[in-house]
Amino acid sequence: MISGFQSISQKTFENQKESLEKALKRGIMQCYALEGRYPASLEQLISDYHIIYNHDLFDVQYEVVASNMMPSITIIIKE
């Protein structure tokens, strides 16, 4: 029974992670379409595109390679 709850909980976290990733990518693409550049930082992306997520549950890493290349996003579920 406990393993069933853990399985459901893990699936819920994975779904939330997927939704967060989609929201971040949508914000990145929208910024590029509107401004002709990618967001310079995760803070700018979250602020400008009103993205809200649980900081206690997810660690988001945002890496800018170059101003003309899409930033890399890594989302880790905290344990």
PDB file of N, CA and C in Angstrom:
ATOM      1  N   MET A   1       0.826  -1.193   0.000  1.00  0.00           N
ATOM      2  CA  MET A   1       0.000   0.000   0.000  1.00  0.00           C
ATOM      3  C   MET A   1       0.876   1.264   0.000  1.00  0.00           C
ATOM      4  N   ILE A   2       1.923   1.251   0.802  1.00  0.00           N
ATOM      5  CA  ILE A   2       2.816   2.410   0.868  1.00  0.00           C
ATOM      6  C   ILE A   2       3.509   2.629  -0.474  1.00  0.00           C
ATOM      7  N   SER A   3       3.919   1.539  -1.112  1.00  0.00           N
ATOM      8  CA  SER A   3       4.584   1.699  -2.406  1.00  0.00           C
ATOM      9  C   SER A   3       3.615   2.243  -3.451  1.00  0.00           C
ATOM     10  N   GLY A   4       2.317   1.951  -3.307  1.00  0.00           N
ATOM     11  CA  GLY A   4       1.312   2.508  -4.204  1.00  0.00           C
ATOM     12  C   GLY A   4       1.206   4.005  -4.069  1.00  0.00           C
ATOM     13  N   PHE A   5       1.221   4.495  -2.824  1.00  0.00           N
ATOM     14  CA  PHE A   5       1.182   5.938  -2.584  1.00  0.00           C
ATOM     15  C   PHE A   5       2.435   6.615  -3.123  1.00  0.00           C
ATOM     16  N   GLN A   6       3.582   5.971  -2.949  1.00  0.00           N
ATOM     17  CA  GLN A   6       4.831   6.538  -3.453  1.00  0.00           C
ATOM     18  C   GLN A   6       4.806   6.612  -4.976  1.00  0.00           C
ATOM     19  N   SER A   7       4.247   5.594  -5.606  1.00  0.00           N
ATOM     20  CA  SER A   7       4.153   5.573  -7.060  1.00  0.00           C
ATOM     21  C   SER A   7       3.250   6.698  -7.570  1.00  0.00           C
ATOM     22  N   ILE A   8       2.106   6.877  -6.916  1.00  0.00           N
ATOM     23  CA  ILE A   8       1.181   7.956  -7.293  1.00  0.00           C
ATOM     24  C   ILE A   8       1.834   9.309  -7.063  1.00  0.00           C
ATOM     25  N   SER A   9       2.503   9.456  -5.932  1.00  0.00           N
ATOM     26  CA  SER A   9       3.164  10.711  -5.598  1.00  0.00           C
ATOM     27  C   SER A   9       4.254  11.040  -6.619  1.00  0.00           C
ATOM     28  N   GLN A  10       5.052  10.044  -6.986  1.00  0.00           N
ATOM     29  CA  GLN A  10       6.126  10.256  -7.965  1.00  0.00           C
ATOM     30  C   GLN A  10       5.545  10.660  -9.319  1.00  0.00           C
ATOM     31  N   LYS A  11       4.445  10.037  -9.715  1.00  0.00           N
ATOM     32  CA  LYS A  11       3.814  10.365 -10.992  1.00  0.00           C
ATOM     33  C   LYS A  11       3.292  11.801 -10.962  1.00  0.00           C
ATOM     34  N   THR A  12       2.729  12.222  -9.835  1.00  0.00           N
ATOM     35  CA  THR A  12       2.244  13.591  -9.687  1.00  0.00           C
ATOM     36  C   THR A  12       3.400  14.583  -9.816  1.00  0.00           C
ATOM     37  N   PHE A  13       4.528  14.284  -9.166  1.00  0.00           N
ATOM     38  CA  PHE A  13       5.694  15.157  -9.263  1.00  0.00           C
ATOM     39  C   PHE A  13       6.200  15.233 -10.700  1.00  0.00           C
ATOM     40  N   GLU A  14       6.213  14.110 -11.394  1.00  0.00           N
ATOM     41  CA  GLU A  14       6.662  14.089 -12.785  1.00  0.00           C
ATOM     42  C   GLU A  14       5.735  14.930 -13.670  1.00  0.00           C
ATOM     43  N   ASN A  15       4.426  14.839 -13.426  1.00  0.00           N
ATOM     44  CA  ASN A  15       3.469  15.650 -14.193  1.00  0.00           C
ATOM     45  C   ASN A  15       3.675  17.140 -13.929  1.00  0.00           C
ATOM     46  N   GLN A  16       3.913  17.500 -12.661  1.00  0.00           N
ATOM     47  CA  GLN A  16       4.165  18.900 -12.321  1.00  0.00           C
ATOM     48  C   GLN A  16       5.464  19.382 -12.959  1.00  0.00           C
ATOM     49  N   LYS A  17       6.468  18.530 -12.957  1.00  0.00           N
ATOM     50  CA  LYS A  17       7.753  18.866 -13.568  1.00  0.00           C
ATOM     51  C   LYS A  17       7.571  19.113 -15.065  1.00  0.00           C
ATOM     52  N   GLU A  18       6.806  18.251 -15.723  1.00  0.00           N
ATOM     53  CA  GLU A  18       6.550  18.396 -17.157  1.00  0.00           C
ATOM     54  C   GLU A  18       5.795  19.695 -17.449  1.00  0.00           C
ATOM     55  N   SER A  19       4.819  20.033 -16.625  1.00  0.00           N
ATOM     56  CA  SER A  19       4.057  21.279 -16.803  1.00  0.00           C
ATOM     57  C   SER A  19       4.954  22.491 -16.617  1.00  0.00           C
ATOM     58  N   LEU A  20       5.835  22.435 -15.625  1.00  0.00           N
ATOM     59  CA  LEU A  20       6.767  23.536 -15.385  1.00  0.00           C
ATOM     60  C   LEU A  20       7.717  23.694 -16.570  1.00  0.00           C
ATOM     61  N   GLU A  21       8.218  22.596 -17.086  1.00  0.00           N
ATOM     62  CA  GLU A  21       9.126  22.663 -18.224  1.00  0.00           C
ATOM     63  C   GLU A  21       8.437  23.278 -19.441  1.00  0.00           C
ATOM     64  N   LYS A  22       7.198  22.883 -19.688  1.00  0.00           N
ATOM     65  CA  LYS A  22       6.439  23.453 -20.808  1.00  0.00           C
ATOM     66  C   LYS A  22       6.220  24.948 -20.619  1.00  0.00           C
ATOM     67  N   ALA A  23       5.888  25.369 -19.401  1.00  0.00           N
ATOM     68  CA  ALA A  23       5.657  26.792 -19.123  1.00  0.00           C
ATOM     69  C   ALA A  23       6.939  27.598 -19.329  1.00  0.00           C
ATOM     70  N   LEU A  24       8.065  27.074 -18.866  1.00  0.00           N
ATOM     71  CA  LEU A  24       9.334  27.774 -19.035  1.00  0.00           C
ATOM     72  C   LEU A  24       9.707  27.892 -20.513  1.00  0.00           C
ATOM     73  N   LYS A  25       9.562  26.813 -21.254  1.00  0.00           N
ATOM     74  CA  LYS A  25       9.899  26.841 -22.680  1.00  0.00           C
ATOM     75  C   LYS A  25       8.962  27.774 -23.448  1.00  0.00           C
ATOM     76  N   ARG A  26       7.694  27.773 -23.082  1.00  0.00           N
ATOM     77  CA  ARG A  26       6.730  28.668 -23.731  1.00  0.00           C
ATOM     78  C   ARG A  26       7.116  30.124 -23.460  1.00  0.00           C
ATOM     79  N   GLY A  27       7.514  30.425 -22.232  1.00  0.00           N
ATOM     80  CA  GLY A  27       7.949  31.778 -21.885  1.00  0.00           C
ATOM     81  C   GLY A  27       9.203  32.185 -22.645  1.00  0.00           C
ATOM     82  N   ILE A  28      10.132  31.267 -22.765  1.00  0.00           N
ATOM     83  CA  ILE A  28      11.370  31.535 -23.500  1.00  0.00           C
ATOM     84  C   ILE A  28      11.064  31.859 -24.962  1.00  0.00           C
ATOM     85  N   MET A  29      10.219  31.045 -25.575  1.00  0.00           N
ATOM     86  CA  MET A  29       9.886  31.251 -26.982  1.00  0.00           C
ATOM     87  C   MET A  29       9.079  32.534 -27.189  1.00  0.00           C
ATOM     88  N   GLN A  30       8.193  32.826 -26.254  1.00  0.00           N
ATOM     89  CA  GLN A  30       7.396  34.047 -26.349  1.00  0.00           C
ATOM     90  C   GLN A  30       8.303  35.271 -26.231  1.00  0.00           C
ATOM     91  N   CYS A  31       9.251  35.231 -25.324  1.00  0.00           N
ATOM     92  CA  CYS A  31      10.200  36.332 -25.167  1.00  0.00           C
ATOM     93  C   CYS A  31      10.981  36.539 -26.464  1.00  0.00           C
ATOM     94  N   TYR A  32      11.444  35.453 -27.059  1.00  0.00           N
ATOM     95  CA  TYR A  32      12.214  35.562 -28.297  1.00  0.00           C
ATOM     96  C   TYR A  32      11.359  36.128 -29.430  1.00  0.00           C
ATOM     97  N   ALA A  33      10.103  35.685 -29.491  1.00  0.00           N
ATOM     98  CA  ALA A  33       9.206  36.161 -30.546  1.00  0.00           C
ATOM     99  C   ALA A  33       8.882  37.644 -30.388  1.00  0.00           C
ATOM    100  N   LEU A  34       8.698  38.081 -29.154  1.00  0.00           N
ATOM    101  CA  LEU A  34       8.304  39.471 -28.904  1.00  0.00           C
ATOM    102  C   LEU A  34       9.484  40.437 -28.874  1.00  0.00           C
ATOM    103  N   GLU A  35      10.619  39.991 -28.313  1.00  0.00           N
ATOM    104  CA  GLU A  35      11.740  40.893 -28.081  1.00  0.00           C
ATOM    105  C   GLU A  35      12.947  40.623 -28.977  1.00  0.00           C
ATOM    106  N   GLY A  36      12.944  39.492 -29.679  1.00  0.00           N
ATOM    107  CA  GLY A  36      14.064  39.161 -30.540  1.00  0.00           C
ATOM    108  C   GLY A  36      15.287  38.671 -29.797  1.00  0.00           C
ATOM    109  N   ARG A  37      15.103  38.292 -28.552  1.00  0.00           N
ATOM    110  CA  ARG A  37      16.210  37.762 -27.743  1.00  0.00           C
ATOM    111  C   ARG A  37      15.628  36.817 -26.701  1.00  0.00           C
ATOM    112  N   TYR A  38      16.493  35.984 -26.172  1.00  0.00           N
ATOM    113  CA  TYR A  38      16.069  35.072 -25.108  1.00  0.00           C
ATOM    114  C   TYR A  38      16.232  35.762 -23.751  1.00  0.00           C
ATOM    115  N   PRO A  39      15.462  35.333 -22.734  1.00  0.00           N
ATOM    116  CA  PRO A  39      15.618  35.932 -21.403  1.00  0.00           C
ATOM    117  C   PRO A  39      17.052  35.735 -20.894  1.00  0.00           C
ATOM    118  N   ALA A  40      17.606  36.772 -20.300  1.00  0.00           N
ATOM    119  CA  ALA A  40      18.990  36.728 -19.826  1.00  0.00           C
ATOM    120  C   ALA A  40      19.158  35.883 -18.568  1.00  0.00           C
ATOM    121  N   SER A  41      18.068  35.685 -17.816  1.00  0.00           N
ATOM    122  CA  SER A  41      18.164  34.918 -16.575  1.00  0.00           C
ATOM    123  C   SER A  41      16.830  34.253 -16.259  1.00  0.00           C
ATOM    124  N   LEU A  42      16.885  33.283 -15.372  1.00  0.00           N
ATOM    125  CA  LEU A  42      15.672  32.614 -14.915  1.00  0.00           C
ATOM    126  C   LEU A  42      14.759  33.600 -14.203  1.00  0.00           C
ATOM    127  N   GLU A  43      15.341  34.491 -13.422  1.00  0.00           N
ATOM    128  CA  GLU A  43      14.558  35.485 -12.687  1.00  0.00           C
ATOM    129  C   GLU A  43      13.774  36.378 -13.645  1.00  0.00           C
ATOM    130  N   GLN A  44      14.410  36.796 -14.723  1.00  0.00           N
ATOM    131  CA  GLN A  44      13.735  37.625 -15.723  1.00  0.00           C
ATOM    132  C   GLN A  44      12.582  36.854 -16.365  1.00  0.00           C
ATOM    133  N   LEU A  45      12.837  35.606 -16.721  1.00  0.00           N
ATOM    134  CA  LEU A  45      11.807  34.772 -17.337  1.00  0.00           C
ATOM    135  C   LEU A  45      10.608  34.602 -16.408  1.00  0.00           C
ATOM    136  N   ILE A  46      10.858  34.281 -15.163  1.00  0.00           N
ATOM    137  CA  ILE A  46       9.784  34.063 -14.192  1.00  0.00           C
ATOM    138  C   ILE A  46       9.008  35.343 -13.944  1.00  0.00           C
ATOM    139  N   SER A  47       9.721  36.446 -13.817  1.00  0.00           N
ATOM    140  CA  SER A  47       9.081  37.730 -13.545  1.00  0.00           C
ATOM    141  C   SER A  47       8.270  38.240 -14.737  1.00  0.00           C
ATOM    142  N   ASP A  48       8.888  38.260 -15.903  1.00  0.00           N
ATOM    143  CA  ASP A  48       8.238  38.827 -17.085  1.00  0.00           C
ATOM    144  C   ASP A  48       7.068  37.991 -17.593  1.00  0.00           C
ATOM    145  N   TYR A  49       7.130  36.683 -17.393  1.00  0.00           N
ATOM    146  CA  TYR A  49       6.093  35.801 -17.939  1.00  0.00           C
ATOM    147  C   TYR A  49       5.256  35.133 -16.845  1.00  0.00           C
ATOM    148  N   HIS A  50       5.370  35.663 -15.639  1.00  0.00           N
ATOM    149  CA  HIS A  50       4.505  35.296 -14.503  1.00  0.00           C
ATOM    150  C   HIS A  50       4.420  33.787 -14.287  1.00  0.00           C
ATOM    151  N   ILE A  51       5.572  33.157 -14.237  1.00  0.00           N
ATOM    152  CA  ILE A  51       5.633  31.713 -14.007  1.00  0.00           C
ATOM    153  C   ILE A  51       5.795  31.483 -12.508  1.00  0.00           C
ATOM    154  N   ILE A  52       4.933  30.663 -11.967  1.00  0.00           N
ATOM    155  CA  ILE A  52       4.951  30.366 -10.537  1.00  0.00           C
ATOM    156  C   ILE A  52       5.181  28.868 -10.380  1.00  0.00           C
ATOM    157  N   TYR A  53       6.103  28.512  -9.478  1.00  0.00           N
ATOM    158  CA  TYR A  53       6.325  27.095  -9.186  1.00  0.00           C
ATOM    159  C   TYR A  53       6.769  26.944  -7.737  1.00  0.00           C
ATOM    160  N   ASN A  54       6.724  25.724  -7.244  1.00  0.00           N
ATOM    161  CA  ASN A  54       7.082  25.424  -5.869  1.00  0.00           C
ATOM    162  C   ASN A  54       8.600  25.294  -5.757  1.00  0.00           C
ATOM    163  N   HIS A  55       9.242  26.297  -5.176  1.00  0.00           N
ATOM    164  CA  HIS A  55      10.702  26.315  -5.036  1.00  0.00           C
ATOM    165  C   HIS A  55      11.182  25.243  -4.065  1.00  0.00           C
ATOM    166  N   ASP A  56      10.309  24.811  -3.169  1.00  0.00           N
ATOM    167  CA  ASP A  56      10.674  23.758  -2.219  1.00  0.00           C
ATOM    168  C   ASP A  56      10.664  22.383  -2.880  1.00  0.00           C
ATOM    169  N   LEU A  57       9.940  22.257  -3.975  1.00  0.00           N
ATOM    170  CA  LEU A  57       9.803  20.974  -4.652  1.00  0.00           C
ATOM    171  C   LEU A  57      10.741  20.837  -5.850  1.00  0.00           C
ATOM    172  N   PHE A  58      10.999  21.943  -6.549  1.00  0.00           N
ATOM    173  CA  PHE A  58      11.812  21.888  -7.767  1.00  0.00           C
ATOM    174  C   PHE A  58      13.009  22.821  -7.699  1.00  0.00           C
ATOM    175  N   ASP A  59      14.109  22.343  -8.249  1.00  0.00           N
ATOM    176  CA  ASP A  59      15.293  23.168  -8.457  1.00  0.00           C
ATOM    177  C   ASP A  59      15.420  23.364  -9.962  1.00  0.00           C
ATOM    178  N   VAL A  60      15.369  24.615 -10.414  1.00  0.00           N
ATOM    179  CA  VAL A  60      15.441  24.914 -11.837  1.00  0.00           C
ATOM    180  C   VAL A  60      16.808  25.527 -12.136  1.00  0.00           C
ATOM    181  N   GLN A  61      17.500  24.920 -13.073  1.00  0.00           N
ATOM    182  CA  GLN A  61      18.791  25.432 -13.516  1.00  0.00           C
ATOM    183  C   GLN A  61      18.610  25.983 -14.921  1.00  0.00           C
ATOM    184  N   TYR A  62      19.043  27.220 -15.109  1.00  0.00           N
ATOM    185  CA  TYR A  62      18.855  27.947 -16.366  1.00  0.00           C
ATOM    186  C   TYR A  62      20.222  28.387 -16.838  1.00  0.00           C
ATOM    187  N   GLU A  63      20.646  27.874 -17.974  1.00  0.00           N
ATOM    188  CA  GLU A  63      21.982  28.171 -18.459  1.00  0.00           C
ATOM    189  C   GLU A  63      21.922  28.854 -19.818  1.00  0.00           C
ATOM    190  N   VAL A  64      22.456  30.062 -19.858  1.00  0.00           N
ATOM    191  CA  VAL A  64      22.527  30.824 -21.103  1.00  0.00           C
ATOM    192  C   VAL A  64      23.872  30.543 -21.757  1.00  0.00           C
ATOM    193  N   VAL A  65      23.831  30.072 -22.993  1.00  0.00           N
ATOM    194  CA  VAL A  65      25.054  29.774 -23.739  1.00  0.00           C
ATOM    195  C   VAL A  65      25.491  30.994 -24.534  1.00  0.00           C
ATOM    196  N   ALA A  66      24.561  31.554 -25.287  1.00  0.00           N
ATOM    197  CA  ALA A  66      24.810  32.755 -26.083  1.00  0.00           C
ATOM    198  C   ALA A  66      23.468  33.441 -26.297  1.00  0.00           C
ATOM    199  N   SER A  67      23.503  34.731 -26.597  1.00  0.00           N
ATOM    200  CA  SER A  67      22.260  35.492 -26.717  1.00  0.00           C
ATOM    201  C   SER A  67      21.388  35.036 -27.882  1.00  0.00           C
ATOM    202  N   ASN A  68      21.991  34.368 -28.858  1.00  0.00           N
ATOM    203  CA  ASN A  68      21.218  33.916 -30.016  1.00  0.00           C
ATOM    204  C   ASN A  68      20.909  32.410 -29.983  1.00  0.00           C
ATOM    205  N   MET A  69      21.190  31.768 -28.848  1.00  0.00           N
ATOM    206  CA  MET A  69      20.900  30.340 -28.685  1.00  0.00           C
ATOM    207  C   MET A  69      19.926  30.140 -27.531  1.00  0.00           C
ATOM    208  N   MET A  70      18.989  29.210 -27.721  1.00  0.00           N
ATOM    209  CA  MET A  70      18.003  28.957 -26.686  1.00  0.00           C
ATOM    210  C   MET A  70      18.689  28.457 -25.411  1.00  0.00           C
ATOM    211  N   PRO A  71      18.345  29.056 -24.275  1.00  0.00           N
ATOM    212  CA  PRO A  71      18.940  28.631 -22.999  1.00  0.00           C
ATOM    213  C   PRO A  71      18.591  27.175 -22.675  1.00  0.00           C
ATOM    214  N   SER A  72      19.438  26.575 -21.897  1.00  0.00           N
ATOM    215  CA  SER A  72      19.235  25.203 -21.441  1.00  0.00           C
ATOM    216  C   SER A  72      18.502  25.224 -20.100  1.00  0.00           C
ATOM    217  N   ILE A  73      17.486  24.377 -19.964  1.00  0.00           N
ATOM    218  CA  ILE A  73      16.709  24.295 -18.721  1.00  0.00           C
ATOM    219  C   ILE A  73      16.839  22.885 -18.171  1.00  0.00           C
ATOM    220  N   THR A  74      17.155  22.787 -16.887  1.00  0.00           N
ATOM    221  CA  THR A  74      17.167  21.505 -16.194  1.00  0.00           C
ATOM    222  C   THR A  74      16.316  21.652 -14.954  1.00  0.00           C
ATOM    223  N   ILE A  75      15.353  20.745 -14.776  1.00  0.00           N
ATOM    224  CA  ILE A  75      14.480  20.779 -13.610  1.00  0.00           C
ATOM    225  C   ILE A  75      14.711  19.515 -12.814  1.00  0.00           C
ATOM    226  N   ILE A  76      15.014  19.684 -11.539  1.00  0.00           N
ATOM    227  CA  ILE A  76      15.286  18.559 -10.652  1.00  0.00           C
ATOM    228  C   ILE A  76      14.245  18.563  -9.547  1.00  0.00           C
ATOM    229  N   ILE A  77      13.661  17.394  -9.304  1.00  0.00           N
ATOM    230  CA  ILE A  77      12.720  17.248  -8.189  1.00  0.00           C
ATOM    231  C   ILE A  77      13.551  17.077  -6.926  1.00  0.00           C
ATOM    232  N   LYS A  78      13.355  17.973  -5.954  1.00  0.00           N
ATOM    233  CA  LYS A  78      14.074  17.870  -4.685  1.00  0.00           C
ATOM    234  C   LYS A  78      13.483  16.742  -3.851  1.00  0.00           C
ATOM    235  N   GLU A  79      14.324  16.102  -3.097  1.00  0.00           N
ATOM    236  CA  GLU A  79      13.840  15.002  -2.253  1.00  0.00           C
ATOM    237  C   GLU A  79      13.808  15.393  -0.817  1.00  0.00           C
TER     238      GLU A  79
END
